[in-house]
Structures are given as structure tokens and as C-alpha cells.
Amino acid sequence: FLPHAAHIGYPERVHGGLIGMLVDEMLVYAGAPHGLWGMTAKVRYWLRRPIPVGEELSLRGRLVQRSERGFRSVVTIHLPDGSLAAEGEGMCVIRQPPSPAA
């Protein structure tokens, strides 16, 4: 993800709420390689350092626990130099496919 000027919160820094949204999205995408699509039920995130605008961020999500009803994932966001900028975790409920039309 490459944040630009529209993503500024504090001068020259990415808005923390946008980082929270990225963590939320990556929680869900962590289930995709396992055939799971969910909706976020709970999310927490921590900003570890200021995130400058104009630097490409590396986002990683990893599924760490699975149950019948949902899954838990962890997320990391790194700056181009590899340093940890933010991290998060959360629970997703598995989205049930729509019922076939009768």
C-alpha cells in the first residue's frame, strides 16, 4: 500500500485510522488462502512508529487459529526499511454462503 497526501492525519504522517482499516482488511484476507471468508468481529492494533506519507508499506496477515465459527489472525505492517510500523490482531466470523433460492 502506498499512502499519499489524502491519507495524512498529523502533518506528513499517515492517519492512524487508515492504519486500523488496513489491519482490519488484512485480518479477513488472512483466511483467503485457507478457503475462509469472514467478517471482522473484533480488532485491535498498535502503532509502533510514525508512518510517513509516500513510502510503500508491506502488509502481512497470517491465520493463527481456526474454529467452526471463525478464525483469528495477526497482521504486521512494515516500512520499506523492514522496521515494524504497526501490528494488530483480531477475530473474524466465517461468512456463510447465501442459501439457494427455493
Protein backbone atom coordinates (compact mmCIF):
# COMPACT_ATOMS: atom_id res chain seq x y z
CA PHE A 1 0.00 0.00 0.00
CA LEU A 2 1.35 3.42 -0.94
CA PRO A 3 -0.17 6.20 1.21
CA HIS A 4 -0.39 9.66 -0.35
CA ALA A 5 -1.39 13.19 0.69
CA ALA A 6 -5.10 12.36 1.08
CA HIS A 7 -4.12 9.91 3.85
CA ILE A 8 -2.45 12.50 6.11
CA GLY A 9 -3.53 12.76 9.74
CA TYR A 10 -0.75 14.51 11.63
CA PRO A 11 1.43 16.60 9.26
CA GLU A 12 3.50 14.35 6.96
CA ARG A 13 2.19 11.20 8.70
CA VAL A 14 -0.45 8.62 7.73
CA HIS A 15 -3.69 8.89 9.71
CA GLY A 16 -3.87 6.18 12.40
CA GLY A 17 -7.47 5.36 11.48
CA LEU A 18 -6.35 4.38 8.00
CA ILE A 19 -3.80 2.02 9.53
CA GLY A 20 -6.62 0.50 11.58
CA MET A 21 -8.63 -0.04 8.39
CA LEU A 22 -5.65 -1.76 6.72
CA VAL A 23 -5.26 -4.08 9.72
CA ASP A 24 -8.99 -4.86 9.59
CA GLU A 25 -8.80 -5.75 5.87
CA MET A 26 -5.72 -7.93 6.29
CA LEU A 27 -7.39 -9.89 9.11
CA VAL A 28 -10.05 -11.02 6.65
CA TYR A 29 -7.61 -11.67 3.80
CA ALA A 30 -5.51 -13.92 6.06
CA GLY A 31 -8.28 -16.51 5.82
CA ALA A 32 -8.50 -16.46 1.99
CA PRO A 33 -5.61 -18.87 1.26
CA HIS A 34 -7.41 -21.36 3.53
CA GLY A 35 -10.74 -21.00 1.72
CA LEU A 36 -12.20 -18.89 4.53
CA TRP A 37 -14.03 -15.60 4.07
CA GLY A 38 -15.06 -13.80 7.17
CA MET A 39 -16.27 -10.56 8.63
CA THR A 40 -14.33 -8.83 11.38
CA ALA A 41 -15.87 -9.32 14.80
CA LYS A 42 -13.04 -7.85 16.90
CA VAL A 43 -9.88 -5.95 16.01
CA ARG A 44 -7.02 -4.35 17.96
CA TYR A 45 -3.99 -2.59 16.59
CA TRP A 46 -0.89 -0.81 17.79
CA LEU A 47 1.02 1.96 16.04
CA ARG A 48 4.69 1.26 16.69
CA ARG A 49 6.24 4.29 14.93
CA PRO A 50 5.15 7.27 12.83
CA ILE A 51 4.31 6.23 9.27
CA PRO A 52 5.42 8.75 6.67
CA VAL A 53 3.32 9.56 3.62
CA GLY A 54 4.80 8.49 0.28
CA GLU A 55 6.58 5.34 1.45
CA GLU A 56 5.28 1.95 0.32
CA LEU A 57 4.08 -0.22 3.18
CA SER A 58 4.33 -4.00 3.30
CA LEU A 59 1.24 -5.65 4.81
CA ARG A 60 1.15 -9.26 6.01
CA GLY A 61 -1.73 -11.20 7.52
CA ARG A 62 -1.44 -14.68 9.00
CA LEU A 63 -4.18 -17.02 10.20
CA VAL A 64 -3.20 -18.36 13.64
CA GLN A 65 -6.33 -20.13 14.88
CA ARG A 66 -9.44 -21.61 13.32
CA SER A 67 -12.73 -22.89 14.69
CA GLU A 68 -16.07 -23.94 13.26
CA ARG A 69 -17.47 -20.41 13.51
CA GLY A 70 -14.45 -18.23 12.83
CA PHE A 71 -10.75 -17.61 12.83
CA ARG A 72 -8.10 -15.46 14.48
CA SER A 73 -5.43 -13.60 12.52
CA VAL A 74 -2.43 -11.41 13.20
CA VAL A 75 -1.22 -8.58 10.96
CA THR A 76 2.04 -6.68 10.58
CA ILE A 77 2.77 -3.51 8.63
CA HIS A 78 6.40 -2.72 7.79
CA LEU A 79 8.16 0.32 6.38
CA PRO A 80 10.45 -0.05 3.33
CA ASP A 81 13.50 -0.47 5.61
CA GLY A 82 11.82 -3.50 7.22
CA SER A 83 11.01 -1.83 10.52
CA LEU A 84 7.70 -2.63 12.18
CA ALA A 85 5.31 0.32 11.84
CA ALA A 86 2.11 -1.26 13.16
CA GLU A 87 0.64 -4.59 14.16
CA GLY A 88 -2.74 -5.95 15.03
CA GLU A 89 -4.86 -8.96 15.77
CA GLY A 90 -8.48 -9.89 15.59
CA MET A 91 -11.26 -12.39 15.22
CA CYS A 92 -13.38 -12.96 12.15
CA VAL A 93 -16.66 -14.84 11.92
CA ILE A 94 -16.93 -17.10 8.91
CA ARG A 95 -19.33 -15.70 6.35
CA GLN A 96 -21.93 -18.27 5.43
CA PRO A 97 -22.76 -18.61 1.74
CA PRO A 98 -26.25 -17.44 0.77
CA SER A 99 -29.00 -20.06 0.81
CA PRO A 100 -30.00 -21.43 -2.58
CA ALA A 101 -33.20 -19.89 -3.97
CA ALA A 102 -36.23 -22.14 -3.49
